[in-house]
C-alpha atoms as a PDB file:
ATOM      1  CA  MET A   1       0.014   0.015  -0.002  1.00  0.00           C
ATOM      2  CA  LYS A   2       1.307   3.456  -0.925  1.00  0.00           C
ATOM      3  CA  ALA A   3       1.512   5.980   1.914  1.00  0.00           C
ATOM      4  CA  THR A   4       0.100   9.435   1.354  1.00  0.00           C
ATOM      5  CA  LYS A   5       1.144  12.509   3.276  1.00  0.00           C
ATOM      6  CA  THR A   6      -1.253  15.383   3.883  1.00  0.00           C
ATOM      7  CA  ALA A   7       0.315  18.761   4.535  1.00  0.00           C
ATOM      8  CA  ARG A   8      -1.542  21.788   5.856  1.00  0.00           C
ATOM      9  CA  GLN A   9      -0.613  25.297   4.847  1.00  0.00           C
ATOM     10  CA  LYS A  10      -2.185  28.638   5.472  1.00  0.00           C
ATOM     11  CA  ILE A  11      -2.518  30.855   2.399  1.00  0.00           C
ATOM     12  CA  ARG A  12      -1.268  34.343   3.244  1.00  0.00           C
ATOM     13  CA  ASN A  13      -2.615  36.212   0.204  1.00  0.00           C
ATOM     14  CA  TYR A  14      -6.340  35.489   0.333  1.00  0.00           C
ATOM     15  CA  THR A  15      -7.786  36.309  -3.053  1.00  0.00           C
ATOM     16  CA  ARG A  16     -11.334  36.705  -4.329  1.00  0.00           C
ATOM     17  CA  TYR A  17     -10.553  33.902  -6.752  1.00  0.00           C
ATOM     18  CA  LEU A  18     -10.571  31.395  -3.904  1.00  0.00           C
ATOM     19  CA  ASN A  19     -14.138  32.565  -3.199  1.00  0.00           C
ATOM     20  CA  TYR A  20     -15.087  32.271  -6.874  1.00  0.00           C
ATOM     21  CA  THR A  21     -13.621  28.734  -6.928  1.00  0.00           C
ATOM     22  CA  LEU A  22     -15.451  27.734  -3.731  1.00  0.00           C
ATOM     23  CA  ASP A  23     -18.760  29.160  -5.007  1.00  0.00           C
ATOM     24  CA  ILE A  24     -18.589  27.449  -8.404  1.00  0.00           C
ATOM     25  CA  TYR A  25     -17.505  24.129  -6.785  1.00  0.00           C
ATOM     26  CA  ARG A  26     -20.479  24.250  -4.424  1.00  0.00           C
ATOM     27  CA  GLU A  27     -22.824  24.925  -7.338  1.00  0.00           C
ATOM     28  CA  VAL A  28     -21.290  21.894  -9.148  1.00  0.00           C
ATOM     29  CA  GLN A  29     -21.713  19.791  -5.959  1.00  0.00           C
ATOM     30  CA  SER A  30     -25.351  20.784  -5.588  1.00  0.00           C
ATOM     31  CA  PHE A  31     -26.084  20.020  -9.243  1.00  0.00           C
ATOM     32  CA  ILE A  32     -24.490  16.591  -9.023  1.00  0.00           C
ATOM     33  CA  ASN A  33     -26.175  15.900  -5.696  1.00  0.00           C
ATOM     34  CA  HIS A  34     -29.527  16.356  -7.505  1.00  0.00           C
ATOM     35  CA  VAL A  35     -28.479  14.105 -10.353  1.00  0.00           C
ATOM     36  CA  VAL A  36     -27.391  11.313  -7.991  1.00  0.00           C
ATOM     37  CA  PHE A  37     -30.518  11.733  -5.892  1.00  0.00           C
ATOM     38  CA  ASP A  38     -32.793  11.538  -8.942  1.00  0.00           C
ATOM     39  CA  ASN A  39     -30.944   8.425 -10.245  1.00  0.00           C
ATOM     40  CA  ASN A  40     -30.076   6.705  -6.957  1.00  0.00           C
ATOM     41  CA  ASP A  41     -32.149   3.570  -7.712  1.00  0.00           C
ATOM     42  CA  LYS A  42     -29.892   2.751 -10.676  1.00  0.00           C
ATOM     43  CA  ILE A  43     -26.638   4.039  -9.189  1.00  0.00           C
ATOM     44  CA  PHE A  44     -26.804   2.031  -5.982  1.00  0.00           C
ATOM     45  CA  THR A  45     -27.510  -1.218  -7.793  1.00  0.00           C
ATOM     46  CA  LEU A  46     -24.001  -1.007  -9.223  1.00  0.00           C
ATOM     47  CA  ASP A  47     -21.470  -2.974  -7.108  1.00  0.00           C
ATOM     48  CA  GLN A  48     -18.264  -1.018  -7.363  1.00  0.00           C
ATOM     49  CA  SER A  49     -17.676   2.622  -6.558  1.00  0.00           C
ATOM     50  CA  LYS A  50     -15.794   3.061  -9.837  1.00  0.00           C
ATOM     51  CA  ALA A  51     -18.829   1.848 -11.800  1.00  0.00           C
ATOM     52  CA  ARG A  52     -21.024   4.273  -9.859  1.00  0.00           C
ATOM     53  CA  ASN A  53     -18.703   7.190 -10.529  1.00  0.00           C
ATOM     54  CA  ASN A  54     -18.480   6.334 -14.201  1.00  0.00           C
ATOM     55  CA  TYR A  55     -22.251   6.049 -14.487  1.00  0.00           C
ATOM     56  CA  VAL A  56     -22.823   9.483 -12.974  1.00  0.00           C
ATOM     57  CA  GLU A  57     -20.051  10.967 -15.107  1.00  0.00           C
ATOM     58  CA  ARG A  58     -21.742   9.617 -18.255  1.00  0.00           C
ATOM     59  CA  LEU A  59     -25.031  11.235 -17.088  1.00  0.00           C
ATOM     60  CA  ILE A  60     -23.515  14.740 -16.882  1.00  0.00           C
ATOM     61  CA  HIS A  61     -20.444  14.798 -19.147  1.00  0.00           C
ATOM     62  CA  SER A  62     -20.712  14.615 -22.965  1.00  0.00           C
ATOM     63  CA  THR A  63     -17.833  13.205 -25.010  1.00  0.00           C
ATOM     64  CA  SER A  64     -17.488  12.072 -28.614  1.00  0.00           C
ATOM     65  CA  LYS A  65     -18.781   8.626 -27.572  1.00  0.00           C
ATOM     66  CA  ASN A  66     -21.299   9.716 -24.969  1.00  0.00           C
ATOM     67  CA  GLN A  67     -24.231  12.114 -25.049  1.00  0.00           C
ATOM     68  CA  ALA A  68     -24.996  13.312 -21.516  1.00  0.00           C
ATOM     69  CA  VAL A  69     -28.539  13.146 -20.187  1.00  0.00           C
ATOM     70  CA  TYR A  70     -28.048  16.364 -18.224  1.00  0.00           C
ATOM     71  CA  THR A  71     -26.713  18.439 -21.089  1.00  0.00           C
ATOM     72  CA  ASP A  72     -26.870  21.764 -19.212  1.00  0.00           C
ATOM     73  CA  PHE A  73     -24.007  20.671 -16.942  1.00  0.00           C
ATOM     74  CA  GLY A  74     -21.434  21.146 -19.684  1.00  0.00           C
ATOM     75  CA  SER A  75     -22.634  24.610 -20.598  1.00  0.00           C
ATOM     76  CA  ARG A  76     -23.230  25.769 -17.067  1.00  0.00           C
ATOM     77  CA  PHE A  77     -19.863  24.604 -15.778  1.00  0.00           C
ATOM     78  CA  TYR A  78     -17.753  25.146 -18.869  1.00  0.00           C
ATOM     79  CA  LYS A  79     -14.129  24.000 -18.636  1.00  0.00           C
ATOM     80  CA  LEU A  80     -14.562  22.558 -15.139  1.00  0.00           C
ATOM     81  CA  PRO A  81     -11.444  20.520 -14.423  1.00  0.00           C
ATOM     82  CA  SER A  82     -12.128  16.814 -14.628  1.00  0.00           C
ATOM     83  CA  TYR A  83     -10.519  16.167 -11.284  1.00  0.00           C
ATOM     84  CA  LEU A  84     -12.980  18.490  -9.566  1.00  0.00           C
ATOM     85  CA  ARG A  85     -15.873  16.965 -11.436  1.00  0.00           C
ATOM     86  CA  ARG A  86     -14.847  13.434 -10.390  1.00  0.00           C
ATOM     87  CA  TYR A  87     -14.269  14.483  -6.768  1.00  0.00           C
ATOM     88  CA  ALA A  88     -17.723  16.158  -6.671  1.00  0.00           C
ATOM     89  CA  ILE A  89     -19.268  12.986  -8.090  1.00  0.00           C
ATOM     90  CA  ALA A  90     -17.647  10.884  -5.376  1.00  0.00           C
ATOM     91  CA  GLN A  91     -18.857  13.333  -2.673  1.00  0.00           C
ATOM     92  CA  ALA A  92     -22.358  13.357  -4.118  1.00  0.00           C
ATOM     93  CA  ILE A  93     -22.595   9.561  -4.123  1.00  0.00           C
ATOM     94  CA  GLY A  94     -21.542   9.534  -0.465  1.00  0.00           C
ATOM     95  CA  HIS A  95     -23.939  12.364   0.405  1.00  0.00           C
ATOM     96  CA  VAL A  96     -26.946  10.692  -1.214  1.00  0.00           C
ATOM     97  CA  SER A  97     -25.960   7.272   0.221  1.00  0.00           C
ATOM     98  CA  SER A  98     -25.943   8.822   3.698  1.00  0.00           C
ATOM     99  CA  HIS A  99     -29.376  10.342   3.108  1.00  0.00           C
ATOM    100  CA  VAL A 100     -30.803   7.015   1.846  1.00  0.00           C
ATOM    101  CA  SER A 101     -29.407   5.272   4.951  1.00  0.00           C
ATOM    102  CA  ARG A 102     -30.928   7.920   7.263  1.00  0.00           C
ATOM    103  CA  VAL A 103     -34.330   7.512   5.579  1.00  0.00           C
ATOM    104  CA  ALA A 104     -34.141   3.723   5.897  1.00  0.00           C
ATOM    105  CA  LEU A 105     -33.320   4.053   9.630  1.00  0.00           C
ATOM    106  CA  TRP A 106     -36.177   6.507  10.061  1.00  0.00           C
ATOM    107  CA  GLU A 107     -38.608   4.144   8.312  1.00  0.00           C
ATOM    108  CA  ASN A 108     -37.674   1.370  10.758  1.00  0.00           C
ATOM    109  CA  ASN A 109     -38.054   3.624  13.791  1.00  0.00           C
ATOM    110  CA  ARG A 110     -40.532   6.389  12.724  1.00  0.00           C
ATOM    111  CA  LYS A 111     -39.439   8.794  15.449  1.00  0.00           C
ATOM    112  CA  GLY A 112     -39.308  12.476  14.702  1.00  0.00           C
ATOM    113  CA  ARG A 113     -39.614  13.940  11.244  1.00  0.00           C
ATOM    114  CA  ARG A 114     -38.628  12.146   8.069  1.00  0.00           C
ATOM    115  CA  PRO A 115     -35.129  13.206   6.906  1.00  0.00           C
ATOM    116  CA  VAL A 116     -35.157  15.795   4.119  1.00  0.00           C
ATOM    117  CA  PHE A 117     -32.611  15.677   1.313  1.00  0.00           C
ATOM    118  CA  ASN A 118     -30.327  18.738   1.350  1.00  0.00           C
ATOM    119  CA  PRO A 119     -28.396  19.038  -1.936  1.00  0.00           C
ATOM    120  CA  GLY A 120     -26.458  22.105  -0.840  1.00  0.00           C
ATOM    121  CA  CYS A 121     -23.663  20.771   1.360  1.00  0.00           C
ATOM    122  CA  LYS A 122     -20.605  22.798   2.252  1.00  0.00           C
ATOM    123  CA  GLY A 123     -17.863  20.788   0.585  1.00  0.00           C
ATOM    124  CA  PHE A 124     -14.410  22.084  -0.272  1.00  0.00           C
ATOM    125  CA  PRO A 125     -12.619  21.381  -3.533  1.00  0.00           C
ATOM    126  CA  VAL A 126      -9.509  19.281  -3.490  1.00  0.00           C
ATOM    127  CA  PHE A 127      -6.399  20.570  -5.214  1.00  0.00           C
ATOM    128  CA  TYR A 128      -4.676  17.490  -6.570  1.00  0.00           C
ATOM    129  CA  ARG A 129      -0.939  17.832  -7.124  1.00  0.00           C
ATOM    130  CA  ASP A 130       0.135  18.511 -10.757  1.00  0.00           C
ATOM    131  CA  ASN A 131      -3.479  18.887 -11.942  1.00  0.00           C
ATOM    132  CA  MET A 132      -4.805  21.539  -9.579  1.00  0.00           C
ATOM    133  CA  SER A 133      -1.728  22.594  -7.650  1.00  0.00           C
ATOM    134  CA  LYS A 134       2.012  22.877  -8.212  1.00  0.00           C
ATOM    135  CA  TRP A 135       4.725  23.663  -5.685  1.00  0.00           C
ATOM    136  CA  ILE A 136       6.751  26.684  -6.828  1.00  0.00           C
ATOM    137  CA  SER A 137       9.088  27.063  -3.861  1.00  0.00           C
ATOM    138  CA  ARG A 138       9.115  26.556  -0.079  1.00  0.00           C
ATOM    139  CA  SER A 139       6.681  29.457   0.322  1.00  0.00           C
ATOM    140  CA  LYS A 140       4.677  29.591  -2.914  1.00  0.00           C
ATOM    141  CA  VAL A 141       2.191  27.372  -4.567  1.00  0.00           C
ATOM    142  CA  SER A 142       0.361  27.634  -7.903  1.00  0.00           C
ATOM    143  CA  LEU A 143      -3.315  26.759  -7.758  1.00  0.00           C
ATOM    144  CA  LYS A 144      -5.766  26.368 -10.550  1.00  0.00           C
ATOM    145  CA  LEU A 145      -8.643  28.666  -9.591  1.00  0.00           C
ATOM    146  CA  TYR A 146     -11.775  29.984 -11.173  1.00  0.00           C
ATOM    147  CA  ASN A 147     -11.569  33.689 -12.046  1.00  0.00           C
ATOM    148  CA  GLY A 148     -15.295  34.152 -12.847  1.00  0.00           C
ATOM    149  CA  SER A 149     -15.118  32.926 -16.414  1.00  0.00           C
ATOM    150  CA  ASP A 150     -12.185  30.490 -16.761  1.00  0.00           C
ATOM    151  CA  TRP A 151      -9.892  28.243 -14.769  1.00  0.00           C
ATOM    152  CA  ILE A 152      -6.377  29.705 -14.648  1.00  0.00           C
ATOM    153  CA  TRP A 153      -3.208  29.246 -12.591  1.00  0.00           C
ATOM    154  CA  PHE A 154      -2.563  31.689  -9.722  1.00  0.00           C
ATOM    155  CA  ILE A 155       0.665  31.829  -7.654  1.00  0.00           C
ATOM    156  CA  LEU A 156      -0.131  32.256  -3.952  1.00  0.00           C
ATOM    157  CA  PRO A 157       2.205  32.597  -0.986  1.00  0.00           C
ATOM    158  CA  PHE A 158       1.626  30.323   2.025  1.00  0.00           C
ATOM    159  CA  GLU A 159       3.120  29.541   5.394  1.00  0.00           C
ATOM    160  CA  PRO A 160       3.190  26.069   6.980  1.00  0.00           C
ATOM    161  CA  VAL A 161       0.730  25.530   9.815  1.00  0.00           C
ATOM    162  CA  ASN A 162       2.009  23.843  12.942  1.00  0.00           C
ATOM    163  CA  SER A 163       0.457  20.329  12.746  1.00  0.00           C
ATOM    164  CA  ASP A 164       0.489  20.003  16.545  1.00  0.00           C
ATOM    165  CA  ARG A 165      -2.525  22.314  16.693  1.00  0.00           C
ATOM    166  CA  PHE A 166      -4.742  19.864  14.783  1.00  0.00           C
END
């Protein structure tokens, strides 16, 4: 098994583009949550998580060999990096699965109100190395962020956060 290290850094130069990126990512997440919720009967019959992810991706992403069912995704979230789309799909499958489990528990117990599906969760985008982030130096990182119309690379300074605090 390959070990993975997670490092925490605090970005010193907070830009509005981080907010743009977070806003558009949360819109993507809400859209995909609706898609997964509407198609959960078919999605959760698939055995493997990879098959589930691929099924949802085919529903929303058109290619030369696939015509998406939800065609407005491509025009609404033009040039969305594929890594963010796939991460949002995985999060949406987990989010809807959790809701379906809560409803099943409620139906067995019938205490309180029936759980309501909330598509607008507060997820945070992941910045995968080489695709969404690149280390420039010991105090700078380049992140692919949304500027309001396109995804471009921004160089941001950061400072390491003491991991003992977490």
